[in-house]
């Protein structure tokens, strides 16, 4: 049995802008990944709305700093064979970070945490897939437009920067923007079809890494 941890934000949780609400379980990308991989795999979905790579959100009702929470989650679920990290969209909020370079540095921290964590029972560190979220897009939703002011341009830099992070760490990179686009309803989230597309595209990537 191979165990995969999917660590992310609302795109992993399955936030649906149409509702608003949550996509059906079978439409969330970790669920699609699990279905595509089939027997012999356990896929753990760890998505939290508003989660950042490594920054505090003092308006939040829970801890959304991805770097602070990750060690606890790693220790909860180990042994792990693969960790898929898709974060950075919330870093684009000006009051969080607002810069792609900040998300890049946050992602570097997350990958390092996965690789350097003190797993028990001599469990080896899992492999990592660094996933760049689809770029933000323009929206007529006034609140989201203001919340992510300047984020469209900055988010378009994430793929190239995350590829550098993965290469430097000896990890695998995947650009979710190559198969999915954000919805103009709010400019940030994904409809069900685009959410499913990410999970489906990750199936051969994960299978290749786990040599199955």
C-alpha atoms as a PDB file:
ATOM      1  CA  UNK A   1       0.000   0.000   0.000  1.00  0.00           C
ATOM      2  CA  UNK A   2       1.342   3.414  -1.021  1.00  0.00           C
ATOM      3  CA  UNK A   3       0.227   6.494   0.905  1.00  0.00           C
ATOM      4  CA  UNK A   4      -0.053   9.929  -0.694  1.00  0.00           C
ATOM      5  CA  UNK A   5      -0.693  13.165   1.206  1.00  0.00           C
ATOM      6  CA  UNK A   6      -2.287  16.032  -0.733  1.00  0.00           C
ATOM      7  CA  UNK A   7      -1.512  19.264   1.110  1.00  0.00           C
ATOM      8  CA  UNK A   8      -3.247  22.395  -0.049  1.00  0.00           C
ATOM      9  CA  UNK A   9      -5.819  25.128   0.359  1.00  0.00           C
ATOM     10  CA  UNK A  10      -9.371  25.638  -0.907  1.00  0.00           C
ATOM     11  CA  UNK A  11      -8.421  24.251  -4.326  1.00  0.00           C
ATOM     12  CA  UNK A  12      -7.656  20.961  -2.575  1.00  0.00           C
ATOM     13  CA  UNK A  13     -10.607  21.241  -0.169  1.00  0.00           C
ATOM     14  CA  UNK A  14     -12.854  21.638  -3.203  1.00  0.00           C
ATOM     15  CA  UNK A  15     -14.323  25.128  -2.803  1.00  0.00           C
ATOM     16  CA  UNK A  16     -17.028  25.790  -5.362  1.00  0.00           C
ATOM     17  CA  UNK A  17     -17.571  29.412  -6.323  1.00  0.00           C
ATOM     18  CA  UNK A  18     -20.879  28.576  -7.978  1.00  0.00           C
ATOM     19  CA  UNK A  19     -22.590  27.839  -4.665  1.00  0.00           C
ATOM     20  CA  UNK A  20     -20.661  28.998  -2.918  1.00  0.00           C
ATOM     21  CA  UNK A  21     -20.012  25.696  -1.237  1.00  0.00           C
ATOM     22  CA  UNK A  22     -17.988  22.541  -1.704  1.00  0.00           C
ATOM     23  CA  UNK A  23     -17.637  20.320  -4.749  1.00  0.00           C
ATOM     24  CA  UNK A  24     -18.973  16.791  -4.483  1.00  0.00           C
ATOM     25  CA  UNK A  25     -16.448  14.357  -3.032  1.00  0.00           C
ATOM     26  CA  UNK A  26     -15.909  12.642  -6.377  1.00  0.00           C
ATOM     27  CA  UNK A  27     -15.087  15.973  -8.078  1.00  0.00           C
ATOM     28  CA  UNK A  28     -12.268  17.010  -5.728  1.00  0.00           C
ATOM     29  CA  UNK A  29      -8.851  16.451  -7.264  1.00  0.00           C
ATOM     30  CA  UNK A  30      -7.480  14.186  -4.482  1.00  0.00           C
ATOM     31  CA  UNK A  31     -10.542  11.955  -4.959  1.00  0.00           C
ATOM     32  CA  UNK A  32      -9.962  11.841  -8.715  1.00  0.00           C
ATOM     33  CA  UNK A  33      -6.303  11.000  -8.097  1.00  0.00           C
ATOM     34  CA  UNK A  34      -7.298   8.157  -5.777  1.00  0.00           C
ATOM     35  CA  UNK A  35      -9.831   6.785  -8.258  1.00  0.00           C
ATOM     36  CA  UNK A  36      -7.309   6.950 -11.078  1.00  0.00           C
ATOM     37  CA  UNK A  37      -4.608   5.166  -9.117  1.00  0.00           C
ATOM     38  CA  UNK A  38      -6.953   2.447  -7.923  1.00  0.00           C
ATOM     39  CA  UNK A  39      -6.201  -0.335  -5.478  1.00  0.00           C
ATOM     40  CA  UNK A  40      -2.942  -0.262  -3.574  1.00  0.00           C
ATOM     41  CA  UNK A  41      -3.058   3.468  -2.823  1.00  0.00           C
ATOM     42  CA  UNK A  42      -4.350   5.591   0.030  1.00  0.00           C
ATOM     43  CA  UNK A  43      -4.791   9.265  -0.830  1.00  0.00           C
ATOM     44  CA  UNK A  44      -5.175  11.654   2.111  1.00  0.00           C
ATOM     45  CA  UNK A  45      -6.761  15.026   1.330  1.00  0.00           C
ATOM     46  CA  UNK A  46      -5.475  17.802   3.591  1.00  0.00           C
ATOM     47  CA  UNK A  47      -7.046  20.936   2.151  1.00  0.00           C
ATOM     48  CA  UNK A  48      -7.878  24.027   4.196  1.00  0.00           C
ATOM     49  CA  UNK A  49      -9.573  27.151   2.877  1.00  0.00           C
ATOM     50  CA  UNK A  50      -7.218  30.114   3.132  1.00  0.00           C
ATOM     51  CA  UNK A  51      -4.061  28.111   3.846  1.00  0.00           C
ATOM     52  CA  UNK A  52      -0.829  29.887   2.875  1.00  0.00           C
ATOM     53  CA  UNK A  53       2.618  28.472   2.244  1.00  0.00           C
ATOM     54  CA  UNK A  54       4.224  29.983   5.334  1.00  0.00           C
ATOM     55  CA  UNK A  55       2.383  33.152   6.330  1.00  0.00           C
ATOM     56  CA  UNK A  56      -0.006  34.090   9.131  1.00  0.00           C
ATOM     57  CA  UNK A  57      -3.527  35.283   8.431  1.00  0.00           C
ATOM     58  CA  UNK A  58      -4.558  37.214  11.522  1.00  0.00           C
ATOM     59  CA  UNK A  59      -8.150  37.435  10.302  1.00  0.00           C
ATOM     60  CA  UNK A  60      -8.539  33.656  10.216  1.00  0.00           C
ATOM     61  CA  UNK A  61     -10.491  31.540  12.666  1.00  0.00           C
ATOM     62  CA  UNK A  62      -7.815  28.815  12.664  1.00  0.00           C
ATOM     63  CA  UNK A  63      -4.106  28.446  11.914  1.00  0.00           C
ATOM     64  CA  UNK A  64      -3.649  28.822   8.166  1.00  0.00           C
ATOM     65  CA  UNK A  65       0.135  29.003   8.162  1.00  0.00           C
ATOM     66  CA  UNK A  66       1.041  25.957   6.086  1.00  0.00           C
ATOM     67  CA  UNK A  67       4.622  25.743   7.312  1.00  0.00           C
ATOM     68  CA  UNK A  68       3.620  25.780  10.967  1.00  0.00           C
ATOM     69  CA  UNK A  69       0.949  23.092  10.609  1.00  0.00           C
ATOM     70  CA  UNK A  70       2.738  20.764   8.181  1.00  0.00           C
ATOM     71  CA  UNK A  71       5.056  18.967  10.672  1.00  0.00           C
ATOM     72  CA  UNK A  72       2.064  17.921  12.774  1.00  0.00           C
ATOM     73  CA  UNK A  73       0.245  16.614   9.693  1.00  0.00           C
ATOM     74  CA  UNK A  74       3.340  14.736   8.501  1.00  0.00           C
ATOM     75  CA  UNK A  75       3.674  13.097  11.895  1.00  0.00           C
ATOM     76  CA  UNK A  76      -0.025  12.262  11.979  1.00  0.00           C
ATOM     77  CA  UNK A  77      -0.004  10.354   8.692  1.00  0.00           C
ATOM     78  CA  UNK A  78       3.480   8.858   8.327  1.00  0.00           C
ATOM     79  CA  UNK A  79       4.795   6.647   6.845  1.00  0.00           C
ATOM     80  CA  UNK A  80       4.188   8.497   3.595  1.00  0.00           C
ATOM     81  CA  UNK A  81       5.418   7.637   0.118  1.00  0.00           C
ATOM     82  CA  UNK A  82       4.514  10.889  -1.604  1.00  0.00           C
ATOM     83  CA  UNK A  83       3.480  14.407  -0.611  1.00  0.00           C
ATOM     84  CA  UNK A  84       1.745  16.592  -3.205  1.00  0.00           C
ATOM     85  CA  UNK A  85       1.843  20.287  -2.267  1.00  0.00           C
ATOM     86  CA  UNK A  86      -0.359  22.820  -4.059  1.00  0.00           C
ATOM     87  CA  UNK A  87      -0.251  26.145  -2.224  1.00  0.00           C
ATOM     88  CA  UNK A  88       0.467  29.766  -3.044  1.00  0.00           C
ATOM     89  CA  UNK A  89      -2.812  31.237  -4.249  1.00  0.00           C
ATOM     90  CA  UNK A  90      -3.599  32.758  -0.856  1.00  0.00           C
ATOM     91  CA  UNK A  91      -0.083  34.184  -0.644  1.00  0.00           C
ATOM     92  CA  UNK A  92      -1.173  36.511  -3.462  1.00  0.00           C
ATOM     93  CA  UNK A  93      -3.378  38.494  -1.055  1.00  0.00           C
ATOM     94  CA  UNK A  94      -1.552  41.808  -0.413  1.00  0.00           C
ATOM     95  CA  UNK A  95      -2.183  41.610   3.336  1.00  0.00           C
ATOM     96  CA  UNK A  96      -0.669  38.092   3.414  1.00  0.00           C
ATOM     97  CA  UNK A  97       2.324  38.514   1.117  1.00  0.00           C
ATOM     98  CA  UNK A  98       1.254  39.700  -2.314  1.00  0.00           C
ATOM     99  CA  UNK A  99       4.372  38.568  -4.158  1.00  0.00           C
ATOM    100  CA  UNK A 100       5.236  35.436  -6.078  1.00  0.00           C
ATOM    101  CA  UNK A 101       8.749  35.492  -4.645  1.00  0.00           C
ATOM    102  CA  UNK A 102       7.237  35.183  -1.164  1.00  0.00           C
ATOM    103  CA  UNK A 103       5.240  32.134  -2.242  1.00  0.00           C
ATOM    104  CA  UNK A 104       8.383  30.660  -3.788  1.00  0.00           C
ATOM    105  CA  UNK A 105      10.261  31.046  -0.535  1.00  0.00           C
ATOM    106  CA  UNK A 106       7.307  29.609   1.349  1.00  0.00           C
ATOM    107  CA  UNK A 107       7.234  26.585  -0.955  1.00  0.00           C
ATOM    108  CA  UNK A 108      10.962  26.087  -0.426  1.00  0.00           C
ATOM    109  CA  UNK A 109      10.292  25.961   3.303  1.00  0.00           C
ATOM    110  CA  UNK A 110       7.516  23.405   2.883  1.00  0.00           C
ATOM    111  CA  UNK A 111       9.606  21.088   0.734  1.00  0.00           C
ATOM    112  CA  UNK A 112      12.435  21.312   3.236  1.00  0.00           C
ATOM    113  CA  UNK A 113      10.062  20.439   6.069  1.00  0.00           C
ATOM    114  CA  UNK A 114       8.923  17.314   4.230  1.00  0.00           C
ATOM    115  CA  UNK A 115      12.457  16.203   3.498  1.00  0.00           C
ATOM    116  CA  UNK A 116      13.943  17.005   6.908  1.00  0.00           C
ATOM    117  CA  UNK A 117      11.105  15.949   9.217  1.00  0.00           C
ATOM    118  CA  UNK A 118      11.992  13.487  11.976  1.00  0.00           C
ATOM    119  CA  UNK A 119       9.716  10.627  10.948  1.00  0.00           C
ATOM    120  CA  UNK A 120       9.345   7.868  13.507  1.00  0.00           C
ATOM    121  CA  UNK A 121      10.369   4.230  13.234  1.00  0.00           C
ATOM    122  CA  UNK A 122      13.115   5.190  10.775  1.00  0.00           C
ATOM    123  CA  UNK A 123      10.530   5.889   8.084  1.00  0.00           C
ATOM    124  CA  UNK A 124      12.183   7.493   5.055  1.00  0.00           C
ATOM    125  CA  UNK A 125      11.199  10.930   3.805  1.00  0.00           C
ATOM    126  CA  UNK A 126       8.534  10.793   1.094  1.00  0.00           C
ATOM    127  CA  UNK A 127       8.950  12.063  -2.429  1.00  0.00           C
ATOM    128  CA  UNK A 128       7.458  15.467  -3.216  1.00  0.00           C
ATOM    129  CA  UNK A 129       5.463  16.897  -6.106  1.00  0.00           C
ATOM    130  CA  UNK A 130       5.497  20.705  -6.121  1.00  0.00           C
ATOM    131  CA  UNK A 131       2.324  21.902  -7.834  1.00  0.00           C
ATOM    132  CA  UNK A 132       1.864  25.458  -9.070  1.00  0.00           C
ATOM    133  CA  UNK A 133      -1.819  26.414  -8.760  1.00  0.00           C
ATOM    134  CA  UNK A 134      -3.582  27.802 -11.821  1.00  0.00           C
ATOM    135  CA  UNK A 135      -3.064  31.541 -12.176  1.00  0.00           C
ATOM    136  CA  UNK A 136      -5.715  33.882 -10.861  1.00  0.00           C
ATOM    137  CA  UNK A 137      -7.955  35.562 -13.431  1.00  0.00           C
ATOM    138  CA  UNK A 138      -9.961  38.766 -13.667  1.00  0.00           C
ATOM    139  CA  UNK A 139     -13.310  38.808 -11.886  1.00  0.00           C
ATOM    140  CA  UNK A 140     -16.237  41.155 -11.438  1.00  0.00           C
ATOM    141  CA  UNK A 141     -16.625  40.030  -7.832  1.00  0.00           C
ATOM    142  CA  UNK A 142     -15.652  43.251  -6.046  1.00  0.00           C
ATOM    143  CA  UNK A 143     -14.604  41.588  -2.790  1.00  0.00           C
ATOM    144  CA  UNK A 144     -12.372  38.968  -4.392  1.00  0.00           C
ATOM    145  CA  UNK A 145     -10.952  41.529  -6.811  1.00  0.00           C
ATOM    146  CA  UNK A 146      -9.917  43.730  -3.894  1.00  0.00           C
ATOM    147  CA  UNK A 147      -8.769  40.801  -1.754  1.00  0.00           C
ATOM    148  CA  UNK A 148      -6.329  39.660  -4.446  1.00  0.00           C
ATOM    149  CA  UNK A 149      -5.384  43.091  -5.794  1.00  0.00           C
ATOM    150  CA  UNK A 150      -2.359  42.653  -8.065  1.00  0.00           C
ATOM    151  CA  UNK A 151      -2.534  38.896  -7.697  1.00  0.00           C
ATOM    152  CA  UNK A 152      -3.317  38.044 -11.307  1.00  0.00           C
ATOM    153  CA  UNK A 153       0.064  39.238 -12.558  1.00  0.00           C
ATOM    154  CA  UNK A 154       1.996  37.838  -9.606  1.00  0.00           C
ATOM    155  CA  UNK A 155       0.297  34.441  -9.770  1.00  0.00           C
ATOM    156  CA  UNK A 156       1.423  34.027 -13.382  1.00  0.00           C
ATOM    157  CA  UNK A 157       5.017  33.927 -12.105  1.00  0.00           C
ATOM    158  CA  UNK A 158       4.453  30.977  -9.790  1.00  0.00           C
ATOM    159  CA  UNK A 159       4.895  28.142 -12.288  1.00  0.00           C
ATOM    160  CA  UNK A 160       8.400  29.159 -13.345  1.00  0.00           C
ATOM    161  CA  UNK A 161       9.439  29.857  -9.758  1.00  0.00           C
ATOM    162  CA  UNK A 162       8.023  26.592  -8.420  1.00  0.00           C
ATOM    163  CA  UNK A 163       9.803  24.675 -11.171  1.00  0.00           C
ATOM    164  CA  UNK A 164      13.045  26.135  -9.835  1.00  0.00           C
ATOM    165  CA  UNK A 165      12.133  25.080  -6.291  1.00  0.00           C
ATOM    166  CA  UNK A 166      11.434  21.508  -7.370  1.00  0.00           C
ATOM    167  CA  UNK A 167      14.592  21.287  -9.454  1.00  0.00           C
ATOM    168  CA  UNK A 168      16.801  22.574  -6.646  1.00  0.00           C
ATOM    169  CA  UNK A 169      15.247  20.123  -4.166  1.00  0.00           C
ATOM    170  CA  UNK A 170      15.406  17.118  -6.455  1.00  0.00           C
ATOM    171  CA  UNK A 171      11.616  16.938  -6.449  1.00  0.00           C
ATOM    172  CA  UNK A 172       9.013  16.767  -9.196  1.00  0.00           C
ATOM    173  CA  UNK A 173       7.186  19.805 -10.583  1.00  0.00           C
ATOM    174  CA  UNK A 174       3.690  19.954 -12.023  1.00  0.00           C
ATOM    175  CA  UNK A 175       1.962  23.038 -13.415  1.00  0.00           C
ATOM    176  CA  UNK A 176      -1.753  22.728 -12.648  1.00  0.00           C
ATOM    177  CA  UNK A 177      -2.273  25.695 -14.945  1.00  0.00           C
ATOM    178  CA  UNK A 178      -1.370  23.445 -17.864  1.00  0.00           C
ATOM    179  CA  UNK A 179      -4.642  21.531 -17.424  1.00  0.00           C
ATOM    180  CA  UNK A 180      -6.932  23.862 -15.459  1.00  0.00           C
ATOM    181  CA  UNK A 181      -8.029  27.509 -15.296  1.00  0.00           C
ATOM    182  CA  UNK A 182      -9.645  29.509 -12.514  1.00  0.00           C
ATOM    183  CA  UNK A 183     -13.251  30.616 -12.768  1.00  0.00           C
ATOM    184  CA  UNK A 184     -14.073  34.300 -13.413  1.00  0.00           C
ATOM    185  CA  UNK A 185     -16.877  33.972 -10.864  1.00  0.00           C
ATOM    186  CA  UNK A 186     -14.334  34.918  -8.197  1.00  0.00           C
ATOM    187  CA  UNK A 187     -11.034  34.752 -10.080  1.00  0.00           C
ATOM    188  CA  UNK A 188      -9.458  32.268  -7.668  1.00  0.00           C
ATOM    189  CA  UNK A 189     -11.277  28.954  -7.488  1.00  0.00           C
ATOM    190  CA  UNK A 190     -12.009  26.114  -9.892  1.00  0.00           C
ATOM    191  CA  UNK A 191     -15.204  24.665 -11.261  1.00  0.00           C
ATOM    192  CA  UNK A 192     -15.753  20.933 -10.953  1.00  0.00           C
ATOM    193  CA  UNK A 193     -14.384  20.081 -14.396  1.00  0.00           C
ATOM    194  CA  UNK A 194     -11.127  21.936 -13.828  1.00  0.00           C
ATOM    195  CA  UNK A 195     -10.749  20.473 -10.353  1.00  0.00           C
ATOM    196  CA  UNK A 196     -11.145  16.968 -11.778  1.00  0.00           C
ATOM    197  CA  UNK A 197      -8.637  17.750 -14.522  1.00  0.00           C
ATOM    198  CA  UNK A 198      -5.871  18.334 -11.982  1.00  0.00           C
ATOM    199  CA  UNK A 199      -6.469  15.011 -10.280  1.00  0.00           C
ATOM    200  CA  UNK A 200      -6.556  13.140 -13.584  1.00  0.00           C
ATOM    201  CA  UNK A 201      -3.333  14.764 -14.789  1.00  0.00           C
ATOM    202  CA  UNK A 202      -1.521  13.869 -11.577  1.00  0.00           C
ATOM    203  CA  UNK A 203      -2.309  10.158 -11.881  1.00  0.00           C
ATOM    204  CA  UNK A 204       0.524   9.302 -14.329  1.00  0.00           C
ATOM    205  CA  UNK A 205       2.920  11.622 -12.495  1.00  0.00           C
ATOM    206  CA  UNK A 206       2.303   9.909  -9.153  1.00  0.00           C
ATOM    207  CA  UNK A 207       2.348   6.440 -10.675  1.00  0.00           C
ATOM    208  CA  UNK A 208       5.677   7.105 -12.366  1.00  0.00           C
ATOM    209  CA  UNK A 209       7.238   8.382  -9.145  1.00  0.00           C
ATOM    210  CA  UNK A 210       6.057   5.377  -7.195  1.00  0.00           C
ATOM    211  CA  UNK A 211       7.250   3.066 -10.010  1.00  0.00           C
ATOM    212  CA  UNK A 212       3.945   1.298 -10.468  1.00  0.00           C
END
